[in-house]
Amino acid sequence: MVPRQPPKSRSELICVALRSAILERALQPGMKLPEDSLGERFGTSRTIVRQALERLAAEGLVELRHNRGAAVAMPSLEEAQDLFELRAQIEDLVIMRLAAGLTAEQEAALEAHIAREEEAQSGPEPISIRLATEFHILMADLTGSPVLARYVNEVAYRCGLTLSQFARPHSTVCGIQEHRDILAALKSGDVVRAQDIARTHLEAVSARAQFKGAEINGYSYLDALEPYASGVRNSG
């Protein structure tokens, strides 16, 4: 059964917007995230913005620096290697849970997400990276386990940050097909095959990372955030 999500609070909406902006490279590693400027951009208080930043810091996408405010995180090669290995091990558990009895509702949710990936594959690569990351997060959410969902969320988004900033260009077609192969194995209840496909998939994704240092544009304003912020402001 697909877990039903309660309506998102203002801070959660801001968290979603900032997360997308980071993973889609609108906000780059090292870029400062001043609470007052973000509050003005999102049309809300600094307190609400701070809550969103604290959530993103827990996910590893933002660094909260004492007396210097928040900034987009700058992951290292060593962190990325450990994160991808940890992620593969956690996802083994996720797959085991789902393959034990994938429901029609769970299958439909995964099919719908893959369809979104296919629609986005001709667009900007960072959006495809975000959607690919969120496929794995969706699998964890569908287990109904808050523990698995929490840890896959945190690890997967951190991996997504490293890829959105440092990975070399690639075709998204391969990744989408691997997601379809994982889903097919889940439907058949073949735990070992689904785990093997997922681990090979994550190893290939990790191998694309080229940590030669990211360019940090010295933004002194947050105009790049406007497409993400406007949706939150207009949500009422």
C-alpha atoms as a PDB file:
ATOM      1  CA  MET A   1       0.000   0.000   0.000  1.00  0.00           C
ATOM      2  CA  VAL A   2       1.282   3.488  -0.875  1.00  0.00           C
ATOM      3  CA  PRO A   3       1.665   5.606   2.289  1.00  0.00           C
ATOM      4  CA  ARG A   4      -0.661   8.611   2.287  1.00  0.00           C
ATOM      5  CA  GLN A   5       1.189  11.850   2.812  1.00  0.00           C
ATOM      6  CA  PRO A   6      -0.341  14.699   4.871  1.00  0.00           C
ATOM      7  CA  PRO A   7      -0.389  18.195   3.323  1.00  0.00           C
ATOM      8  CA  LYS A   8       3.020  19.867   3.378  1.00  0.00           C
ATOM      9  CA  SER A   9       3.698  22.737   5.765  1.00  0.00           C
ATOM     10  CA  ARG A  10       5.253  25.997   4.584  1.00  0.00           C
ATOM     11  CA  SER A  11       8.713  24.927   5.740  1.00  0.00           C
ATOM     12  CA  GLU A  12       8.322  21.577   3.934  1.00  0.00           C
ATOM     13  CA  LEU A  13       7.358  23.343   0.707  1.00  0.00           C
ATOM     14  CA  ILE A  14      10.443  25.554   0.999  1.00  0.00           C
ATOM     15  CA  CYS A  15      12.552  22.486   1.731  1.00  0.00           C
ATOM     16  CA  VAL A  16      11.263  20.778  -1.437  1.00  0.00           C
ATOM     17  CA  ALA A  17      11.919  23.908  -3.509  1.00  0.00           C
ATOM     18  CA  LEU A  18      15.445  24.411  -2.184  1.00  0.00           C
ATOM     19  CA  ARG A  19      16.251  20.716  -2.571  1.00  0.00           C
ATOM     20  CA  SER A  20      15.183  20.790  -6.217  1.00  0.00           C
ATOM     21  CA  ALA A  21      17.139  23.991  -6.823  1.00  0.00           C
ATOM     22  CA  ILE A  22      20.279  22.413  -5.356  1.00  0.00           C
ATOM     23  CA  LEU A  23      19.975  19.109  -7.202  1.00  0.00           C
ATOM     24  CA  GLU A  24      19.128  20.903 -10.449  1.00  0.00           C
ATOM     25  CA  ARG A  25      22.158  23.189 -10.078  1.00  0.00           C
ATOM     26  CA  ALA A  26      20.264  26.458  -9.796  1.00  0.00           C
ATOM     27  CA  LEU A  27      22.062  26.771  -6.455  1.00  0.00           C
ATOM     28  CA  GLN A  28      25.682  25.643  -6.593  1.00  0.00           C
ATOM     29  CA  PRO A  29      28.076  24.162  -4.001  1.00  0.00           C
ATOM     30  CA  GLY A  30      29.373  26.779  -1.581  1.00  0.00           C
ATOM     31  CA  MET A  31      26.645  29.293  -2.442  1.00  0.00           C
ATOM     32  CA  LYS A  32      25.465  31.196   0.635  1.00  0.00           C
ATOM     33  CA  LEU A  33      21.851  30.813   1.725  1.00  0.00           C
ATOM     34  CA  PRO A  34      21.045  33.832   3.919  1.00  0.00           C
ATOM     35  CA  GLU A  35      17.856  33.390   5.895  1.00  0.00           C
ATOM     36  CA  ASP A  36      16.668  36.960   5.419  1.00  0.00           C
ATOM     37  CA  SER A  37      17.076  36.890   1.629  1.00  0.00           C
ATOM     38  CA  LEU A  38      15.421  33.475   1.389  1.00  0.00           C
ATOM     39  CA  GLY A  39      12.572  34.682   3.581  1.00  0.00           C
ATOM     40  CA  GLU A  40      11.949  37.620   1.249  1.00  0.00           C
ATOM     41  CA  ARG A  41      12.155  35.388  -1.817  1.00  0.00           C
ATOM     42  CA  PHE A  42       9.694  32.832  -0.411  1.00  0.00           C
ATOM     43  CA  GLY A  43       7.470  35.425   1.228  1.00  0.00           C
ATOM     44  CA  THR A  44       7.851  33.969   4.716  1.00  0.00           C
ATOM     45  CA  SER A  45       9.688  34.427   8.006  1.00  0.00           C
ATOM     46  CA  ARG A  46      13.305  33.609   8.786  1.00  0.00           C
ATOM     47  CA  THR A  47      12.076  31.069  11.335  1.00  0.00           C
ATOM     48  CA  ILE A  48      10.273  29.064   8.649  1.00  0.00           C
ATOM     49  CA  VAL A  49      13.300  29.286   6.362  1.00  0.00           C
ATOM     50  CA  ARG A  50      15.566  28.122   9.190  1.00  0.00           C
ATOM     51  CA  GLN A  51      13.410  25.029   9.686  1.00  0.00           C
ATOM     52  CA  ALA A  52      13.784  24.162   5.998  1.00  0.00           C
ATOM     53  CA  LEU A  53      17.552  24.716   6.105  1.00  0.00           C
ATOM     54  CA  GLU A  54      17.884  22.496   9.179  1.00  0.00           C
ATOM     55  CA  ARG A  55      16.058  19.699   7.356  1.00  0.00           C
ATOM     56  CA  LEU A  56      18.339  20.074   4.326  1.00  0.00           C
ATOM     57  CA  ALA A  57      21.370  20.098   6.621  1.00  0.00           C
ATOM     58  CA  ALA A  58      20.210  16.758   8.052  1.00  0.00           C
ATOM     59  CA  GLU A  59      20.064  15.457   4.475  1.00  0.00           C
ATOM     60  CA  GLY A  60      23.594  16.686   3.821  1.00  0.00           C
ATOM     61  CA  LEU A  61      22.598  19.172   1.126  1.00  0.00           C
ATOM     62  CA  VAL A  62      23.246  22.277   3.229  1.00  0.00           C
ATOM     63  CA  GLU A  63      25.985  23.180   5.688  1.00  0.00           C
ATOM     64  CA  LEU A  64      25.067  25.271   8.730  1.00  0.00           C
ATOM     65  CA  ARG A  65      28.228  27.165   9.653  1.00  0.00           C
ATOM     66  CA  HIS A  66      28.575  28.793  13.076  1.00  0.00           C
ATOM     67  CA  ASN A  67      28.386  32.592  12.802  1.00  0.00           C
ATOM     68  CA  ARG A  68      28.576  32.381   9.000  1.00  0.00           C
ATOM     69  CA  GLY A  69      25.085  31.171   8.122  1.00  0.00           C
ATOM     70  CA  ALA A  70      24.057  28.403   5.737  1.00  0.00           C
ATOM     71  CA  ALA A  71      25.542  27.405   2.401  1.00  0.00           C
ATOM     72  CA  VAL A  72      25.038  24.674  -0.187  1.00  0.00           C
ATOM     73  CA  ALA A  73      27.191  21.702   0.814  1.00  0.00           C
ATOM     74  CA  MET A  74      30.409  20.821  -0.990  1.00  0.00           C
ATOM     75  CA  PRO A  75      30.833  17.028  -0.893  1.00  0.00           C
ATOM     76  CA  SER A  76      34.219  15.355  -1.255  1.00  0.00           C
ATOM     77  CA  LEU A  77      35.262  12.266  -3.202  1.00  0.00           C
ATOM     78  CA  GLU A  78      35.809  10.278  -0.007  1.00  0.00           C
ATOM     79  CA  GLU A  79      32.311  11.121   1.248  1.00  0.00           C
ATOM     80  CA  ALA A  80      30.763  10.144  -2.062  1.00  0.00           C
ATOM     81  CA  GLN A  81      32.443   6.733  -2.140  1.00  0.00           C
ATOM     82  CA  ASP A  82      31.225   5.900   1.355  1.00  0.00           C
ATOM     83  CA  LEU A  83      27.742   7.234   0.655  1.00  0.00           C
ATOM     84  CA  PHE A  84      27.245   5.164  -2.490  1.00  0.00           C
ATOM     85  CA  GLU A  85      28.371   1.986  -0.696  1.00  0.00           C
ATOM     86  CA  LEU A  86      26.090   2.710   2.258  1.00  0.00           C
ATOM     87  CA  ARG A  87      23.242   3.494  -0.105  1.00  0.00           C
ATOM     88  CA  ALA A  88      23.644   0.172  -1.926  1.00  0.00           C
ATOM     89  CA  GLN A  89      23.469  -1.748   1.354  1.00  0.00           C
ATOM     90  CA  ILE A  90      20.369   0.089   2.574  1.00  0.00           C
ATOM     91  CA  GLU A  91      18.642  -0.378  -0.776  1.00  0.00           C
ATOM     92  CA  ASP A  92      19.215  -4.136  -0.515  1.00  0.00           C
ATOM     93  CA  LEU A  93      16.834  -4.025   2.459  1.00  0.00           C
ATOM     94  CA  VAL A  94      14.358  -1.837   0.583  1.00  0.00           C
ATOM     95  CA  ILE A  95      14.240  -4.246  -2.344  1.00  0.00           C
ATOM     96  CA  MET A  96      13.849  -7.243  -0.036  1.00  0.00           C
ATOM     97  CA  ARG A  97      10.780  -5.619   1.530  1.00  0.00           C
ATOM     98  CA  LEU A  98       9.154  -4.687  -1.782  1.00  0.00           C
ATOM     99  CA  ALA A  99       9.890  -7.968  -3.556  1.00  0.00           C
ATOM    100  CA  ALA A 100       8.158  -9.865  -0.759  1.00  0.00           C
ATOM    101  CA  GLY A 101       4.833  -8.757  -2.200  1.00  0.00           C
ATOM    102  CA  LEU A 102       4.635  -5.731  -4.488  1.00  0.00           C
ATOM    103  CA  THR A 103       1.059  -4.443  -4.578  1.00  0.00           C
ATOM    104  CA  ALA A 104      -0.717  -3.060  -7.633  1.00  0.00           C
ATOM    105  CA  GLU A 105      -0.736   0.372  -6.002  1.00  0.00           C
ATOM    106  CA  GLN A 106       3.011   0.277  -5.369  1.00  0.00           C
ATOM    107  CA  GLU A 107       3.653  -0.894  -8.928  1.00  0.00           C
ATOM    108  CA  ALA A 108       1.512   1.940 -10.307  1.00  0.00           C
ATOM    109  CA  ALA A 109       3.432   4.518  -8.247  1.00  0.00           C
ATOM    110  CA  LEU A 110       6.779   3.262  -9.576  1.00  0.00           C
ATOM    111  CA  GLU A 111       5.463   3.089 -13.159  1.00  0.00           C
ATOM    112  CA  ALA A 112       4.218   6.674 -12.911  1.00  0.00           C
ATOM    113  CA  HIS A 113       7.602   7.869 -11.679  1.00  0.00           C
ATOM    114  CA  ILE A 114       9.469   6.094 -14.475  1.00  0.00           C
ATOM    115  CA  ALA A 115       7.088   7.758 -16.940  1.00  0.00           C
ATOM    116  CA  ARG A 116       8.112  11.141 -15.490  1.00  0.00           C
ATOM    117  CA  GLU A 117      11.755  10.197 -15.975  1.00  0.00           C
ATOM    118  CA  GLU A 118      11.083   9.335 -19.613  1.00  0.00           C
ATOM    119  CA  GLU A 119       9.325  12.651 -20.183  1.00  0.00           C
ATOM    120  CA  ALA A 120      12.292  14.545 -18.710  1.00  0.00           C
ATOM    121  CA  GLN A 121      15.090  12.702 -20.523  1.00  0.00           C
ATOM    122  CA  SER A 122      15.227  15.180 -23.411  1.00  0.00           C
ATOM    123  CA  GLY A 123      15.448  18.150 -21.031  1.00  0.00           C
ATOM    124  CA  PRO A 124      18.184  19.465 -18.701  1.00  0.00           C
ATOM    125  CA  GLU A 125      20.337  16.689 -17.233  1.00  0.00           C
ATOM    126  CA  PRO A 126      20.123  17.929 -13.609  1.00  0.00           C
ATOM    127  CA  ILE A 127      16.350  17.382 -13.643  1.00  0.00           C
ATOM    128  CA  SER A 128      16.883  13.819 -14.839  1.00  0.00           C
ATOM    129  CA  ILE A 129      19.410  13.280 -12.055  1.00  0.00           C
ATOM    130  CA  ARG A 130      16.909  14.517  -9.467  1.00  0.00           C
ATOM    131  CA  LEU A 131      14.148  12.275 -10.803  1.00  0.00           C
ATOM    132  CA  ALA A 132      16.492   9.275 -10.922  1.00  0.00           C
ATOM    133  CA  THR A 133      17.423   9.901  -7.298  1.00  0.00           C
ATOM    134  CA  GLU A 134      13.774  10.221  -6.311  1.00  0.00           C
ATOM    135  CA  PHE A 135      12.938   6.836  -7.891  1.00  0.00           C
ATOM    136  CA  HIS A 136      15.059   5.173  -5.208  1.00  0.00           C
ATOM    137  CA  ILE A 137      13.560   7.376  -2.502  1.00  0.00           C
ATOM    138  CA  LEU A 138      10.086   6.411  -3.690  1.00  0.00           C
ATOM    139  CA  MET A 139      10.979   2.728  -3.370  1.00  0.00           C
ATOM    140  CA  ALA A 140      11.985   3.325   0.245  1.00  0.00           C
ATOM    141  CA  ASP A 141       8.801   5.297   0.956  1.00  0.00           C
ATOM    142  CA  LEU A 142       6.706   2.463  -0.482  1.00  0.00           C
ATOM    143  CA  THR A 143       8.076  -0.008   2.074  1.00  0.00           C
ATOM    144  CA  GLY A 144       6.113   1.853   4.732  1.00  0.00           C
ATOM    145  CA  SER A 145       9.193   1.802   6.979  1.00  0.00           C
ATOM    146  CA  PRO A 146       9.969   5.242   8.449  1.00  0.00           C
ATOM    147  CA  VAL A 147      13.522   4.101   9.241  1.00  0.00           C
ATOM    148  CA  LEU A 148      14.323   2.947   5.696  1.00  0.00           C
ATOM    149  CA  ALA A 149      12.603   6.002   4.211  1.00  0.00           C
ATOM    150  CA  ARG A 150      14.598   8.355   6.427  1.00  0.00           C
ATOM    151  CA  TYR A 151      18.003   6.861   5.734  1.00  0.00           C
ATOM    152  CA  VAL A 152      17.489   6.385   2.001  1.00  0.00           C
ATOM    153  CA  ASN A 153      16.264   9.994   1.803  1.00  0.00           C
ATOM    154  CA  GLU A 154      19.364  11.351   3.488  1.00  0.00           C
ATOM    155  CA  VAL A 155      21.898   9.178   1.673  1.00  0.00           C
ATOM    156  CA  ALA A 156      20.269   9.358  -1.765  1.00  0.00           C
ATOM    157  CA  TYR A 157      19.915  13.138  -1.789  1.00  0.00           C
ATOM    158  CA  ARG A 158      23.540  13.539  -0.744  1.00  0.00           C
ATOM    159  CA  CYS A 159      24.555  11.210  -3.601  1.00  0.00           C
ATOM    160  CA  GLY A 160      22.333  13.215  -5.935  1.00  0.00           C
ATOM    161  CA  LEU A 161      24.174  16.388  -4.938  1.00  0.00           C
ATOM    162  CA  THR A 162      27.541  14.890  -5.862  1.00  0.00           C
ATOM    163  CA  LEU A 163      26.202  13.771  -9.230  1.00  0.00           C
ATOM    164  CA  SER A 164      24.394  16.995 -10.095  1.00  0.00           C
ATOM    165  CA  GLN A 165      27.586  18.959  -9.529  1.00  0.00           C
ATOM    166  CA  PHE A 166      30.415  16.669 -10.564  1.00  0.00           C
ATOM    167  CA  ALA A 167      29.230  13.813 -12.791  1.00  0.00           C
ATOM    168  CA  ARG A 168      30.275  13.708 -16.424  1.00  0.00           C
ATOM    169  CA  PRO A 169      27.517  13.920 -19.063  1.00  0.00           C
ATOM    170  CA  HIS A 170      25.715  10.683 -19.850  1.00  0.00           C
ATOM    171  CA  SER A 171      22.624   9.302 -21.504  1.00  0.00           C
ATOM    172  CA  THR A 172      19.654   8.906 -19.164  1.00  0.00           C
ATOM    173  CA  VAL A 173      18.176   6.104 -21.279  1.00  0.00           C
ATOM    174  CA  CYS A 174      20.362   3.455 -19.605  1.00  0.00           C
ATOM    175  CA  GLY A 175      19.355   4.507 -16.095  1.00  0.00           C
ATOM    176  CA  ILE A 176      15.662   4.518 -16.936  1.00  0.00           C
ATOM    177  CA  GLN A 177      15.885   1.023 -18.402  1.00  0.00           C
ATOM    178  CA  GLU A 178      17.628  -0.160 -15.237  1.00  0.00           C
ATOM    179  CA  HIS A 179      14.753   1.256 -13.194  1.00  0.00           C
ATOM    180  CA  ARG A 180      12.338  -0.690 -15.409  1.00  0.00           C
ATOM    181  CA  ASP A 181      14.440  -3.839 -14.906  1.00  0.00           C
ATOM    182  CA  ILE A 182      14.346  -3.342 -11.128  1.00  0.00           C
ATOM    183  CA  LEU A 183      10.572  -2.949 -11.253  1.00  0.00           C
ATOM    184  CA  ALA A 184      10.198  -6.100 -13.381  1.00  0.00           C
ATOM    185  CA  ALA A 185      12.267  -8.089 -10.876  1.00  0.00           C
ATOM    186  CA  LEU A 186      10.212  -6.711  -7.989  1.00  0.00           C
ATOM    187  CA  LYS A 187       6.989  -7.731  -9.730  1.00  0.00           C
ATOM    188  CA  SER A 188       8.279 -11.274 -10.172  1.00  0.00           C
ATOM    189  CA  GLY A 189       9.458 -11.424  -6.556  1.00  0.00           C
ATOM    190  CA  ASP A 190      13.060 -12.098  -7.619  1.00  0.00           C
ATOM    191  CA  VAL A 191      14.904 -10.455  -4.729  1.00  0.00           C
ATOM    192  CA  VAL A 192      18.416 -11.447  -5.821  1.00  0.00           C
ATOM    193  CA  ARG A 193      17.953 -10.214  -9.381  1.00  0.00           C
ATOM    194  CA  ALA A 194      16.457  -6.901  -8.242  1.00  0.00           C
ATOM    195  CA  GLN A 195      19.303  -6.389  -5.769  1.00  0.00           C
ATOM    196  CA  ASP A 196      21.931  -7.248  -8.391  1.00  0.00           C
ATOM    197  CA  ILE A 197      20.440  -4.804 -10.906  1.00  0.00           C
ATOM    198  CA  ALA A 198      20.187  -2.053  -8.297  1.00  0.00           C
ATOM    199  CA  ARG A 199      23.752  -2.525  -7.044  1.00  0.00           C
ATOM    200  CA  THR A 200      25.193  -2.619 -10.597  1.00  0.00           C
ATOM    201  CA  HIS A 201      23.125   0.458 -11.396  1.00  0.00           C
ATOM    202  CA  LEU A 202      24.441   2.376  -8.368  1.00  0.00           C
ATOM    203  CA  GLU A 203      28.034   1.322  -9.090  1.00  0.00           C
ATOM    204  CA  ALA A 204      27.709   2.663 -12.639  1.00  0.00           C
ATOM    205  CA  VAL A 205      26.178   5.907 -11.355  1.00  0.00           C
ATOM    206  CA  SER A 206      28.976   6.331  -8.804  1.00  0.00           C
ATOM    207  CA  ALA A 207      31.633   5.705 -11.447  1.00  0.00           C
ATOM    208  CA  ARG A 208      30.394   8.690 -13.460  1.00  0.00           C
ATOM    209  CA  ALA A 209      31.435  11.123 -10.738  1.00  0.00           C
ATOM    210  CA  GLN A 210      34.480  13.209 -11.561  1.00  0.00           C
ATOM    211  CA  PHE A 211      35.595  15.138  -8.516  1.00  0.00           C
ATOM    212  CA  LYS A 212      37.865  17.726 -10.063  1.00  0.00           C
ATOM    213  CA  GLY A 213      36.315  20.624  -8.212  1.00  0.00           C
ATOM    214  CA  ALA A 214      33.173  22.501  -9.028  1.00  0.00           C
ATOM    215  CA  GLU A 215      32.966  26.004 -10.321  1.00  0.00           C
ATOM    216  CA  ILE A 216      31.320  28.254  -7.790  1.00  0.00           C
ATOM    217  CA  ASN A 217      29.693  31.263  -9.320  1.00  0.00           C
ATOM    218  CA  GLY A 218      29.818  34.184  -6.942  1.00  0.00           C
ATOM    219  CA  TYR A 219      26.121  34.880  -6.764  1.00  0.00           C
ATOM    220  CA  SER A 220      25.266  37.755  -4.462  1.00  0.00           C
ATOM    221  CA  TYR A 221      21.541  37.362  -5.085  1.00  0.00           C
ATOM    222  CA  LEU A 222      19.056  34.539  -5.435  1.00  0.00           C
ATOM    223  CA  ASP A 223      17.425  35.239  -8.787  1.00  0.00           C
ATOM    224  CA  ALA A 224      18.250  31.684  -9.882  1.00  0.00           C
ATOM    225  CA  LEU A 225      15.897  30.518  -7.138  1.00  0.00           C
ATOM    226  CA  GLU A 226      12.874  32.468  -8.414  1.00  0.00           C
ATOM    227  CA  PRO A 227      11.276  29.659 -10.501  1.00  0.00           C
ATOM    228  CA  TYR A 228      11.297  27.470  -7.391  1.00  0.00           C
ATOM    229  CA  ALA A 229      10.250  30.171  -4.917  1.00  0.00           C
ATOM    230  CA  SER A 230       7.300  31.434  -6.950  1.00  0.00           C
ATOM    231  CA  GLY A 231       5.501  28.103  -6.606  1.00  0.00           C
ATOM    232  CA  VAL A 232       5.778  28.271  -2.827  1.00  0.00           C
ATOM    233  CA  ARG A 233       4.581  31.895  -2.677  1.00  0.00           C
ATOM    234  CA  ASN A 234       1.612  31.098  -4.885  1.00  0.00           C
ATOM    235  CA  SER A 235       0.622  28.093  -2.762  1.00  0.00           C
ATOM    236  CA  GLY A 236      -0.969  30.461  -0.292  1.00  0.00           C
END
